[in-house]
Amino acid sequence: MRGTKADGAEESQEMVSENTVREFAAKAIALGAKVERFANPGDAEKFLSDFFRKNEIKNVLIGKKLEQIFGGSGKFPILKFRDFGEAEKADAGIILADYGISETGTIVQFYQDDREKLPGILPGICLCLLEAEKIVKNAEAIADEISNQLSQGKQVAFLSGPSRTADIECELQIGVHGPAELVILLIDEAVR
């Protein structure tokens, strides 16, 4: 995607990309999410360890994509569960986003089954890893990818800030139908 310095496209592409990342972070924060940025996955992993220790998190749900990365490390208190009743014991969940949409500050996650979706919706705290290069300007930029994933039988979730509802006595409630806290870890290098 990058051009060469001779045609001036490389510098312009980097500026657009950084502006897109900044716009995403600003929109996500405006929706109530917390955004942290890291140069590499190792720095993000250290943040997670510190976050779990400081918040006394004992049980963490992770999706299948992250089990391959963190599952055998022993660095996180990963909750192994057989049924949804056991999954409710989780203090936090970690997901790996497939995309971020800068126009709305939205996280996009494709998943095959409920077990993959649970870490993003069941615990009170959702921690989301998002590679900066996976942030696109708007949903139209990934429309074909969404269609492709749906045609393969996958589902798509769009997360924009902590869960909110005003269905209860017309008063805004946070965390009723999902996490009360969303922490997005923007990572400049690839996680996978």
N, C-alpha and C. Protein backbone atom coordinates (compact mmCIF):
# COMPACT_ATOMS: atom_id res chain seq x y z
N MET A 1 0.80 -1.20 0.00
CA MET A 1 0.00 0.00 0.00
C MET A 1 0.84 1.26 0.00
N ARG A 2 2.03 1.17 0.51
CA ARG A 2 2.85 2.37 0.55
C ARG A 2 3.57 2.59 -0.77
N GLY A 3 3.69 3.85 -1.12
CA GLY A 3 4.43 4.21 -2.32
C GLY A 3 5.89 4.41 -1.98
N THR A 4 6.61 5.02 -2.88
CA THR A 4 8.02 5.29 -2.63
C THR A 4 8.18 6.76 -2.30
N LYS A 5 9.31 7.09 -1.70
CA LYS A 5 9.56 8.49 -1.38
C LYS A 5 9.63 9.34 -2.64
N ALA A 6 10.03 8.72 -3.75
CA ALA A 6 10.15 9.47 -5.00
C ALA A 6 8.81 10.05 -5.45
N ASP A 7 7.71 9.30 -5.22
CA ASP A 7 6.43 9.84 -5.65
C ASP A 7 5.65 10.51 -4.52
N GLY A 8 6.23 10.54 -3.32
CA GLY A 8 5.61 11.25 -2.20
C GLY A 8 4.46 10.52 -1.55
N ALA A 9 4.09 9.35 -2.02
CA ALA A 9 2.93 8.64 -1.49
C ALA A 9 3.20 8.04 -0.11
N GLU A 10 4.43 7.60 0.16
CA GLU A 10 4.73 6.96 1.43
C GLU A 10 4.44 7.89 2.60
N GLU A 11 4.92 9.10 2.53
CA GLU A 11 4.72 10.05 3.61
C GLU A 11 3.23 10.34 3.80
N SER A 12 2.50 10.52 2.72
CA SER A 12 1.08 10.81 2.79
C SER A 12 0.31 9.64 3.40
N GLN A 13 0.64 8.39 3.01
CA GLN A 13 -0.04 7.21 3.54
C GLN A 13 0.20 7.09 5.04
N GLU A 14 1.42 7.36 5.51
CA GLU A 14 1.72 7.27 6.93
C GLU A 14 0.92 8.30 7.71
N MET A 15 0.78 9.51 7.17
CA MET A 15 0.01 10.55 7.84
C MET A 15 -1.47 10.16 7.94
N VAL A 16 -2.02 9.66 6.85
CA VAL A 16 -3.42 9.24 6.86
C VAL A 16 -3.62 8.12 7.87
N SER A 17 -2.72 7.16 7.89
CA SER A 17 -2.82 6.04 8.81
C SER A 17 -2.78 6.52 10.26
N GLU A 18 -1.84 7.39 10.59
CA GLU A 18 -1.73 7.90 11.96
C GLU A 18 -2.96 8.75 12.32
N ASN A 19 -3.44 9.54 11.38
CA ASN A 19 -4.66 10.32 11.62
C ASN A 19 -5.85 9.41 11.86
N THR A 20 -5.92 8.31 11.13
CA THR A 20 -7.01 7.35 11.30
C THR A 20 -6.95 6.72 12.69
N VAL A 21 -5.75 6.38 13.14
CA VAL A 21 -5.57 5.80 14.47
C VAL A 21 -5.97 6.81 15.54
N ARG A 22 -5.55 8.03 15.39
CA ARG A 22 -5.90 9.07 16.37
C ARG A 22 -7.40 9.33 16.40
N GLU A 23 -8.03 9.36 15.23
CA GLU A 23 -9.48 9.56 15.17
C GLU A 23 -10.20 8.41 15.86
N PHE A 24 -9.74 7.18 15.60
CA PHE A 24 -10.34 6.02 16.26
C PHE A 24 -10.27 6.17 17.78
N ALA A 25 -9.08 6.47 18.29
CA ALA A 25 -8.88 6.60 19.74
C ALA A 25 -9.78 7.69 20.32
N ALA A 26 -9.85 8.83 19.66
CA ALA A 26 -10.68 9.94 20.15
C ALA A 26 -12.15 9.56 20.20
N LYS A 27 -12.64 8.89 19.15
CA LYS A 27 -14.05 8.48 19.11
C LYS A 27 -14.34 7.42 20.17
N ALA A 28 -13.43 6.46 20.34
CA ALA A 28 -13.62 5.41 21.33
C ALA A 28 -13.67 6.00 22.75
N ILE A 29 -12.77 6.94 23.03
CA ILE A 29 -12.75 7.60 24.34
C ILE A 29 -14.04 8.38 24.56
N ALA A 30 -14.52 9.06 23.52
CA ALA A 30 -15.77 9.83 23.64
C ALA A 30 -16.95 8.92 23.98
N LEU A 31 -16.86 7.63 23.60
CA LEU A 31 -17.92 6.67 23.90
C LEU A 31 -17.75 6.01 25.27
N GLY A 32 -16.69 6.37 25.98
CA GLY A 32 -16.48 5.83 27.32
C GLY A 32 -15.43 4.74 27.43
N ALA A 33 -14.81 4.37 26.32
CA ALA A 33 -13.74 3.37 26.37
C ALA A 33 -12.45 4.02 26.87
N LYS A 34 -11.57 3.20 27.39
CA LYS A 34 -10.23 3.64 27.73
C LYS A 34 -9.33 3.12 26.62
N VAL A 35 -8.38 3.93 26.17
CA VAL A 35 -7.50 3.51 25.09
C VAL A 35 -6.05 3.66 25.55
N GLU A 36 -5.29 2.58 25.39
CA GLU A 36 -3.86 2.57 25.70
C GLU A 36 -3.14 2.18 24.41
N ARG A 37 -1.98 2.77 24.16
CA ARG A 37 -1.25 2.45 22.93
C ARG A 37 0.12 1.89 23.27
N PHE A 38 0.51 0.86 22.52
CA PHE A 38 1.77 0.16 22.76
C PHE A 38 2.53 -0.05 21.46
N ALA A 39 3.84 -0.05 21.55
CA ALA A 39 4.68 -0.25 20.37
C ALA A 39 4.65 -1.70 19.91
N ASN A 40 4.51 -2.65 20.86
CA ASN A 40 4.59 -4.06 20.49
C ASN A 40 3.73 -4.91 21.43
N PRO A 41 3.48 -6.16 21.06
CA PRO A 41 2.67 -7.04 21.90
C PRO A 41 3.26 -7.28 23.29
N GLY A 42 4.57 -7.30 23.40
CA GLY A 42 5.21 -7.51 24.71
C GLY A 42 4.86 -6.42 25.70
N ASP A 43 4.84 -5.17 25.25
CA ASP A 43 4.46 -4.06 26.12
C ASP A 43 2.99 -4.17 26.53
N ALA A 44 2.14 -4.59 25.60
CA ALA A 44 0.72 -4.77 25.91
C ALA A 44 0.53 -5.90 26.92
N GLU A 45 1.31 -6.96 26.78
CA GLU A 45 1.22 -8.09 27.69
C GLU A 45 1.63 -7.68 29.10
N LYS A 46 2.65 -6.83 29.21
CA LYS A 46 3.06 -6.33 30.53
C LYS A 46 1.95 -5.48 31.13
N PHE A 47 1.32 -4.63 30.32
CA PHE A 47 0.20 -3.82 30.79
C PHE A 47 -0.91 -4.72 31.34
N LEU A 48 -1.24 -5.80 30.60
CA LEU A 48 -2.29 -6.70 31.04
C LEU A 48 -1.95 -7.33 32.38
N SER A 49 -0.72 -7.79 32.54
CA SER A 49 -0.31 -8.39 33.81
C SER A 49 -0.46 -7.40 34.96
N ASP A 50 0.00 -6.17 34.74
CA ASP A 50 -0.12 -5.13 35.77
C ASP A 50 -1.59 -4.79 36.05
N PHE A 51 -2.39 -4.72 34.99
CA PHE A 51 -3.81 -4.40 35.12
C PHE A 51 -4.52 -5.46 35.97
N PHE A 52 -4.23 -6.73 35.70
CA PHE A 52 -4.86 -7.82 36.46
C PHE A 52 -4.44 -7.77 37.92
N ARG A 53 -3.16 -7.50 38.17
CA ARG A 53 -2.67 -7.43 39.54
C ARG A 53 -3.31 -6.26 40.29
N LYS A 54 -3.29 -5.07 39.69
CA LYS A 54 -3.83 -3.87 40.34
C LYS A 54 -5.34 -3.98 40.60
N ASN A 55 -6.06 -4.62 39.72
CA ASN A 55 -7.51 -4.74 39.85
C ASN A 55 -7.95 -6.05 40.50
N GLU A 56 -6.97 -6.82 41.00
CA GLU A 56 -7.21 -8.08 41.68
C GLU A 56 -8.10 -9.03 40.86
N ILE A 57 -7.78 -9.13 39.58
CA ILE A 57 -8.52 -9.99 38.67
C ILE A 57 -7.95 -11.41 38.77
N LYS A 58 -8.83 -12.33 39.13
CA LYS A 58 -8.42 -13.72 39.36
C LYS A 58 -8.77 -14.66 38.22
N ASN A 59 -9.81 -14.32 37.45
CA ASN A 59 -10.27 -15.20 36.38
C ASN A 59 -10.50 -14.40 35.10
N VAL A 60 -9.84 -14.82 34.02
CA VAL A 60 -9.92 -14.11 32.75
C VAL A 60 -10.40 -15.07 31.66
N LEU A 61 -11.41 -14.63 30.92
CA LEU A 61 -11.87 -15.38 29.76
C LEU A 61 -11.11 -14.90 28.54
N ILE A 62 -10.65 -15.81 27.71
CA ILE A 62 -10.05 -15.42 26.44
C ILE A 62 -10.67 -16.26 25.33
N GLY A 63 -10.68 -15.67 24.14
CA GLY A 63 -11.21 -16.38 22.98
C GLY A 63 -10.19 -17.35 22.41
N LYS A 64 -10.66 -18.16 21.49
CA LYS A 64 -9.80 -19.18 20.87
C LYS A 64 -8.58 -18.56 20.18
N LYS A 65 -8.78 -17.42 19.53
CA LYS A 65 -7.66 -16.78 18.83
C LYS A 65 -6.52 -16.46 19.81
N LEU A 66 -6.89 -16.02 21.01
CA LEU A 66 -5.87 -15.64 21.98
C LEU A 66 -5.32 -16.82 22.78
N GLU A 67 -6.06 -17.92 22.82
CA GLU A 67 -5.54 -19.10 23.52
C GLU A 67 -4.24 -19.55 22.88
N GLN A 68 -4.14 -19.41 21.56
CA GLN A 68 -2.93 -19.80 20.85
C GLN A 68 -1.75 -18.90 21.24
N ILE A 69 -2.04 -17.65 21.58
CA ILE A 69 -0.99 -16.69 21.92
C ILE A 69 -0.65 -16.74 23.40
N PHE A 70 -1.68 -16.70 24.27
CA PHE A 70 -1.47 -16.59 25.71
C PHE A 70 -1.73 -17.87 26.48
N GLY A 71 -2.40 -18.84 25.88
CA GLY A 71 -2.87 -20.02 26.59
C GLY A 71 -1.85 -20.78 27.38
N GLY A 72 -0.68 -20.97 26.85
CA GLY A 72 0.33 -21.76 27.54
C GLY A 72 1.35 -20.94 28.28
N SER A 73 1.21 -19.63 28.28
CA SER A 73 2.24 -18.78 28.87
C SER A 73 2.23 -18.80 30.39
N GLY A 74 1.07 -19.03 30.99
CA GLY A 74 0.97 -19.01 32.44
C GLY A 74 1.04 -17.61 33.03
N LYS A 75 1.06 -16.59 32.19
CA LYS A 75 1.18 -15.21 32.67
C LYS A 75 -0.15 -14.61 33.11
N PHE A 76 -1.25 -15.18 32.64
CA PHE A 76 -2.56 -14.64 32.95
C PHE A 76 -3.40 -15.68 33.66
N PRO A 77 -4.29 -15.24 34.56
CA PRO A 77 -5.16 -16.19 35.27
C PRO A 77 -6.34 -16.61 34.39
N ILE A 78 -6.04 -17.42 33.36
CA ILE A 78 -7.05 -17.80 32.37
C ILE A 78 -8.02 -18.80 32.98
N LEU A 79 -9.31 -18.49 32.84
CA LEU A 79 -10.36 -19.35 33.35
C LEU A 79 -10.68 -20.43 32.32
N LYS A 80 -10.46 -21.66 32.69
CA LYS A 80 -10.86 -22.80 31.85
C LYS A 80 -12.28 -23.16 32.28
N PHE A 81 -13.21 -23.20 31.34
CA PHE A 81 -14.59 -23.48 31.72
C PHE A 81 -15.22 -24.50 30.79
N ARG A 82 -16.16 -25.25 31.37
CA ARG A 82 -16.86 -26.28 30.61
C ARG A 82 -18.24 -25.80 30.17
N ASP A 83 -18.84 -24.90 30.96
CA ASP A 83 -20.17 -24.43 30.62
C ASP A 83 -20.29 -22.94 30.94
N PHE A 84 -21.39 -22.36 30.51
CA PHE A 84 -21.58 -20.92 30.66
C PHE A 84 -21.70 -20.51 32.12
N GLY A 85 -22.20 -21.39 32.97
CA GLY A 85 -22.28 -21.08 34.40
C GLY A 85 -20.90 -20.84 34.99
N GLU A 86 -19.93 -21.65 34.60
CA GLU A 86 -18.55 -21.45 35.06
C GLU A 86 -17.95 -20.19 34.46
N ALA A 87 -18.32 -19.87 33.24
CA ALA A 87 -17.79 -18.68 32.56
C ALA A 87 -18.20 -17.40 33.26
N GLU A 88 -19.34 -17.44 33.95
CA GLU A 88 -19.81 -16.25 34.67
C GLU A 88 -18.88 -15.84 35.81
N LYS A 89 -17.97 -16.71 36.19
CA LYS A 89 -17.02 -16.42 37.27
C LYS A 89 -15.91 -15.47 36.81
N ALA A 90 -15.83 -15.20 35.52
CA ALA A 90 -14.74 -14.37 34.99
C ALA A 90 -14.85 -12.92 35.46
N ASP A 91 -13.72 -12.38 35.86
CA ASP A 91 -13.65 -10.97 36.26
C ASP A 91 -13.43 -10.07 35.05
N ALA A 92 -12.79 -10.63 34.02
CA ALA A 92 -12.46 -9.85 32.82
C ALA A 92 -12.39 -10.79 31.62
N GLY A 93 -12.50 -10.21 30.45
CA GLY A 93 -12.35 -10.97 29.21
C GLY A 93 -11.40 -10.24 28.28
N ILE A 94 -10.65 -11.01 27.49
CA ILE A 94 -9.74 -10.42 26.50
C ILE A 94 -10.15 -10.92 25.13
N ILE A 95 -10.29 -9.99 24.20
CA ILE A 95 -10.59 -10.35 22.81
C ILE A 95 -9.54 -9.75 21.89
N LEU A 96 -9.42 -10.35 20.73
CA LEU A 96 -8.56 -9.82 19.68
C LEU A 96 -9.48 -9.31 18.58
N ALA A 97 -9.49 -8.01 18.38
CA ALA A 97 -10.36 -7.41 17.37
C ALA A 97 -9.84 -7.73 15.98
N ASP A 98 -10.77 -7.87 15.06
CA ASP A 98 -10.39 -8.07 13.67
C ASP A 98 -10.19 -6.73 12.97
N TYR A 99 -10.98 -5.73 13.37
CA TYR A 99 -10.86 -4.38 12.80
C TYR A 99 -11.30 -3.34 13.82
N GLY A 100 -10.92 -2.11 13.55
CA GLY A 100 -11.44 -0.95 14.27
C GLY A 100 -11.93 0.03 13.22
N ILE A 101 -13.01 0.74 13.51
CA ILE A 101 -13.56 1.72 12.58
C ILE A 101 -13.36 3.10 13.18
N SER A 102 -12.53 3.92 12.53
CA SER A 102 -12.17 5.22 13.10
C SER A 102 -13.33 6.20 13.12
N GLU A 103 -14.20 6.13 12.14
CA GLU A 103 -15.32 7.06 12.04
C GLU A 103 -16.23 7.01 13.27
N THR A 104 -16.31 5.83 13.90
CA THR A 104 -17.22 5.65 15.03
C THR A 104 -16.54 5.17 16.31
N GLY A 105 -15.25 4.84 16.27
CA GLY A 105 -14.57 4.30 17.44
C GLY A 105 -15.04 2.90 17.79
N THR A 106 -15.44 2.15 16.77
CA THR A 106 -16.05 0.83 16.95
C THR A 106 -15.05 -0.30 16.72
N ILE A 107 -15.15 -1.33 17.55
CA ILE A 107 -14.37 -2.56 17.41
C ILE A 107 -15.21 -3.54 16.60
N VAL A 108 -14.58 -4.27 15.68
CA VAL A 108 -15.26 -5.30 14.90
C VAL A 108 -14.59 -6.63 15.22
N GLN A 109 -15.42 -7.62 15.58
CA GLN A 109 -14.90 -8.95 15.89
C GLN A 109 -15.74 -9.99 15.15
N PHE A 110 -15.06 -10.87 14.42
CA PHE A 110 -15.72 -12.01 13.79
C PHE A 110 -15.57 -13.21 14.72
N TYR A 111 -16.61 -13.99 14.83
CA TYR A 111 -16.53 -15.16 15.69
C TYR A 111 -17.38 -16.29 15.13
N GLN A 112 -16.98 -17.50 15.47
CA GLN A 112 -17.64 -18.71 14.97
C GLN A 112 -18.77 -19.16 15.87
N ASP A 113 -18.59 -19.00 17.19
CA ASP A 113 -19.59 -19.50 18.13
C ASP A 113 -19.64 -18.62 19.38
N ASP A 114 -20.58 -18.92 20.26
CA ASP A 114 -20.75 -18.12 21.47
C ASP A 114 -19.54 -18.17 22.38
N ARG A 115 -18.84 -19.29 22.38
CA ARG A 115 -17.65 -19.41 23.24
C ARG A 115 -16.60 -18.37 22.86
N GLU A 116 -16.51 -18.05 21.59
CA GLU A 116 -15.56 -17.03 21.12
C GLU A 116 -16.07 -15.62 21.44
N LYS A 117 -17.38 -15.45 21.48
CA LYS A 117 -17.97 -14.13 21.74
C LYS A 117 -17.98 -13.78 23.23
N LEU A 118 -18.09 -14.78 24.10
CA LEU A 118 -18.25 -14.55 25.54
C LEU A 118 -17.24 -13.60 26.18
N PRO A 119 -15.94 -13.70 25.90
CA PRO A 119 -15.00 -12.80 26.56
C PRO A 119 -15.29 -11.31 26.33
N GLY A 120 -15.96 -10.98 25.23
CA GLY A 120 -16.26 -9.60 24.93
C GLY A 120 -17.57 -9.09 25.48
N ILE A 121 -18.43 -10.00 25.96
CA ILE A 121 -19.75 -9.55 26.42
C ILE A 121 -20.13 -9.98 27.83
N LEU A 122 -19.52 -11.05 28.36
CA LEU A 122 -19.96 -11.58 29.65
C LEU A 122 -19.33 -10.90 30.86
N PRO A 123 -18.00 -10.79 30.95
CA PRO A 123 -17.41 -10.16 32.14
C PRO A 123 -17.67 -8.66 32.20
N GLY A 124 -17.53 -8.10 33.37
CA GLY A 124 -17.73 -6.66 33.56
C GLY A 124 -16.65 -5.81 32.92
N ILE A 125 -15.49 -6.41 32.66
CA ILE A 125 -14.39 -5.69 32.02
C ILE A 125 -14.00 -6.43 30.75
N CYS A 126 -13.95 -5.70 29.63
CA CYS A 126 -13.49 -6.27 28.36
C CYS A 126 -12.21 -5.55 27.96
N LEU A 127 -11.17 -6.31 27.76
CA LEU A 127 -9.90 -5.79 27.27
C LEU A 127 -9.76 -6.25 25.83
N CYS A 128 -9.56 -5.32 24.93
CA CYS A 128 -9.55 -5.63 23.51
C CYS A 128 -8.20 -5.28 22.90
N LEU A 129 -7.54 -6.27 22.31
CA LEU A 129 -6.30 -6.03 21.59
C LEU A 129 -6.65 -5.65 20.15
N LEU A 130 -6.09 -4.56 19.67
CA LEU A 130 -6.36 -4.09 18.31
C LEU A 130 -5.06 -3.64 17.67
N GLU A 131 -4.71 -4.28 16.57
CA GLU A 131 -3.52 -3.88 15.83
C GLU A 131 -3.84 -2.57 15.10
N ALA A 132 -2.98 -1.57 15.25
CA ALA A 132 -3.22 -0.25 14.65
C ALA A 132 -3.44 -0.34 13.14
N GLU A 133 -2.75 -1.26 12.49
CA GLU A 133 -2.88 -1.40 11.04
C GLU A 133 -4.25 -1.92 10.61
N LYS A 134 -5.03 -2.44 11.57
CA LYS A 134 -6.36 -2.97 11.28
C LYS A 134 -7.46 -1.93 11.45
N ILE A 135 -7.08 -0.68 11.67
CA ILE A 135 -8.07 0.38 11.80
C ILE A 135 -8.35 0.95 10.41
N VAL A 136 -9.63 0.98 10.07
CA VAL A 136 -10.06 1.50 8.78
C VAL A 136 -10.89 2.77 9.01
N LYS A 137 -11.05 3.53 7.97
CA LYS A 137 -11.76 4.81 8.08
C LYS A 137 -13.24 4.62 8.42
N ASN A 138 -13.92 3.72 7.69
CA ASN A 138 -15.36 3.54 7.92
C ASN A 138 -15.74 2.08 7.62
N ALA A 139 -16.98 1.74 7.93
CA ALA A 139 -17.45 0.36 7.75
C ALA A 139 -17.45 -0.05 6.28
N GLU A 140 -17.64 0.89 5.39
CA GLU A 140 -17.64 0.57 3.96
C GLU A 140 -16.30 -0.02 3.53
N ALA A 141 -15.23 0.37 4.20
CA ALA A 141 -13.90 -0.12 3.84
C ALA A 141 -13.75 -1.63 4.08
N ILE A 142 -14.58 -2.19 4.95
CA ILE A 142 -14.49 -3.63 5.23
C ILE A 142 -15.80 -4.35 4.89
N ALA A 143 -16.65 -3.72 4.13
CA ALA A 143 -17.94 -4.33 3.78
C ALA A 143 -17.76 -5.68 3.10
N ASP A 144 -16.83 -5.78 2.15
CA ASP A 144 -16.60 -7.05 1.46
C ASP A 144 -16.11 -8.13 2.43
N GLU A 145 -15.24 -7.75 3.37
CA GLU A 145 -14.73 -8.71 4.35
C GLU A 145 -15.85 -9.17 5.28
N ILE A 146 -16.71 -8.27 5.67
CA ILE A 146 -17.86 -8.65 6.51
C ILE A 146 -18.74 -9.64 5.76
N SER A 147 -19.05 -9.34 4.50
CA SER A 147 -19.86 -10.26 3.68
C SER A 147 -19.19 -11.61 3.55
N ASN A 148 -17.89 -11.62 3.33
CA ASN A 148 -17.13 -12.86 3.20
C ASN A 148 -17.22 -13.69 4.48
N GLN A 149 -17.02 -13.05 5.62
CA GLN A 149 -17.07 -13.76 6.90
C GLN A 149 -18.46 -14.33 7.17
N LEU A 150 -19.49 -13.54 6.88
CA LEU A 150 -20.86 -14.01 7.07
C LEU A 150 -21.18 -15.18 6.15
N SER A 151 -20.66 -15.15 4.92
CA SER A 151 -20.90 -16.25 3.98
C SER A 151 -20.21 -17.54 4.43
N GLN A 152 -19.19 -17.43 5.27
CA GLN A 152 -18.50 -18.60 5.82
C GLN A 152 -19.14 -19.10 7.11
N GLY A 153 -20.29 -18.52 7.47
CA GLY A 153 -21.00 -18.95 8.66
C GLY A 153 -20.58 -18.27 9.94
N LYS A 154 -19.71 -17.29 9.86
CA LYS A 154 -19.29 -16.57 11.05
C LYS A 154 -20.29 -15.46 11.35
N GLN A 155 -20.19 -14.95 12.57
CA GLN A 155 -21.01 -13.83 12.99
C GLN A 155 -20.10 -12.64 13.21
N VAL A 156 -20.70 -11.47 13.28
CA VAL A 156 -19.91 -10.26 13.49
C VAL A 156 -20.49 -9.48 14.66
N ALA A 157 -19.59 -8.98 15.50
CA ALA A 157 -19.99 -8.14 16.63
C ALA A 157 -19.35 -6.78 16.46
N PHE A 158 -20.11 -5.75 16.75
CA PHE A 158 -19.63 -4.37 16.73
C PHE A 158 -19.71 -3.86 18.16
N LEU A 159 -18.57 -3.46 18.73
CA LEU A 159 -18.54 -2.95 20.10
C LEU A 159 -18.13 -1.48 20.06
N SER A 160 -18.98 -0.65 20.62
CA SER A 160 -18.69 0.79 20.68
C SER A 160 -18.82 1.25 22.11
N GLY A 161 -17.73 1.26 22.84
CA GLY A 161 -17.73 1.68 24.23
C GLY A 161 -18.36 0.65 25.15
N PRO A 162 -18.43 0.97 26.44
CA PRO A 162 -19.08 0.07 27.40
C PRO A 162 -20.55 -0.11 27.05
N SER A 163 -21.14 -1.20 27.51
CA SER A 163 -22.55 -1.48 27.28
C SER A 163 -23.42 -0.41 27.93
N ARG A 164 -24.42 0.06 27.17
CA ARG A 164 -25.33 1.08 27.70
C ARG A 164 -26.77 0.70 27.35
N THR A 165 -27.67 1.09 28.21
CA THR A 165 -29.09 0.97 27.89
C THR A 165 -29.86 2.02 28.68
N ALA A 166 -30.97 2.44 28.13
CA ALA A 166 -31.88 3.34 28.84
C ALA A 166 -33.25 2.69 28.94
N ASP A 167 -33.29 1.36 28.79
CA ASP A 167 -34.55 0.62 28.85
C ASP A 167 -35.10 0.52 30.26
N ILE A 168 -34.26 0.72 31.26
CA ILE A 168 -34.69 0.57 32.64
C ILE A 168 -35.12 1.94 33.17
N GLU A 169 -36.41 2.15 33.26
CA GLU A 169 -36.99 3.39 33.76
C GLU A 169 -36.43 4.62 33.04
N CYS A 170 -36.07 4.45 31.77
CA CYS A 170 -35.57 5.54 30.92
C CYS A 170 -34.35 6.25 31.50
N GLU A 171 -33.58 5.54 32.31
CA GLU A 171 -32.35 6.10 32.86
C GLU A 171 -31.17 5.34 32.27
N LEU A 172 -30.11 6.08 31.93
CA LEU A 172 -28.93 5.44 31.36
C LEU A 172 -28.28 4.52 32.38
N GLN A 173 -28.07 3.28 31.99
CA GLN A 173 -27.41 2.28 32.81
C GLN A 173 -26.20 1.76 32.04
N ILE A 174 -25.08 1.61 32.71
CA ILE A 174 -23.86 1.11 32.09
C ILE A 174 -23.61 -0.32 32.57
N GLY A 175 -23.29 -1.21 31.64
CA GLY A 175 -22.90 -2.57 31.98
C GLY A 175 -24.02 -3.56 32.24
N VAL A 176 -25.24 -3.22 31.86
CA VAL A 176 -26.36 -4.13 32.09
C VAL A 176 -26.34 -5.30 31.11
N HIS A 177 -26.11 -5.01 29.84
CA HIS A 177 -26.15 -6.04 28.79
C HIS A 177 -24.76 -6.36 28.23
N GLY A 178 -23.73 -6.08 28.97
CA GLY A 178 -22.37 -6.31 28.52
C GLY A 178 -21.40 -5.66 29.47
N PRO A 179 -20.15 -5.53 29.06
CA PRO A 179 -19.13 -4.99 29.97
C PRO A 179 -19.39 -3.53 30.36
N ALA A 180 -19.11 -3.22 31.62
CA ALA A 180 -19.22 -1.85 32.11
C ALA A 180 -17.96 -1.06 31.79
N GLU A 181 -16.88 -1.78 31.47
CA GLU A 181 -15.60 -1.14 31.17
C GLU A 181 -15.00 -1.78 29.92
N LEU A 182 -14.62 -0.94 28.97
CA LEU A 182 -13.94 -1.40 27.76
C LEU A 182 -12.58 -0.73 27.69
N VAL A 183 -11.52 -1.54 27.67
CA VAL A 183 -10.16 -1.02 27.56
C VAL A 183 -9.59 -1.54 26.24
N ILE A 184 -9.24 -0.62 25.36
CA ILE A 184 -8.70 -0.98 24.05
C ILE A 184 -7.19 -0.80 24.08
N LEU A 185 -6.48 -1.87 23.75
CA LEU A 185 -5.02 -1.83 23.70
C LEU A 185 -4.61 -1.75 22.24
N LEU A 186 -4.28 -0.55 21.79
CA LEU A 186 -3.82 -0.35 20.42
C LEU A 186 -2.36 -0.76 20.35
N ILE A 187 -2.04 -1.64 19.42
CA ILE A 187 -0.67 -2.16 19.31
C ILE A 187 -0.13 -1.87 17.91
N ASP A 188 1.02 -1.23 17.84
CA ASP A 188 1.58 -0.83 16.55
C ASP A 188 2.10 -2.00 15.74
N GLU A 189 2.55 -3.07 16.39
CA GLU A 189 3.04 -4.26 15.68
C GLU A 189 1.96 -5.33 15.64
N ALA A 190 2.10 -6.28 14.77
CA ALA A 190 1.14 -7.38 14.66
C ALA A 190 1.17 -8.25 15.90
N VAL A 191 0.01 -8.70 16.34
CA VAL A 191 -0.12 -9.56 17.51
C VAL A 191 0.04 -11.02 17.11
N ARG A 192 -0.49 -11.37 15.96
CA ARG A 192 -0.54 -12.78 15.54
C ARG A 192 0.78 -13.26 14.99
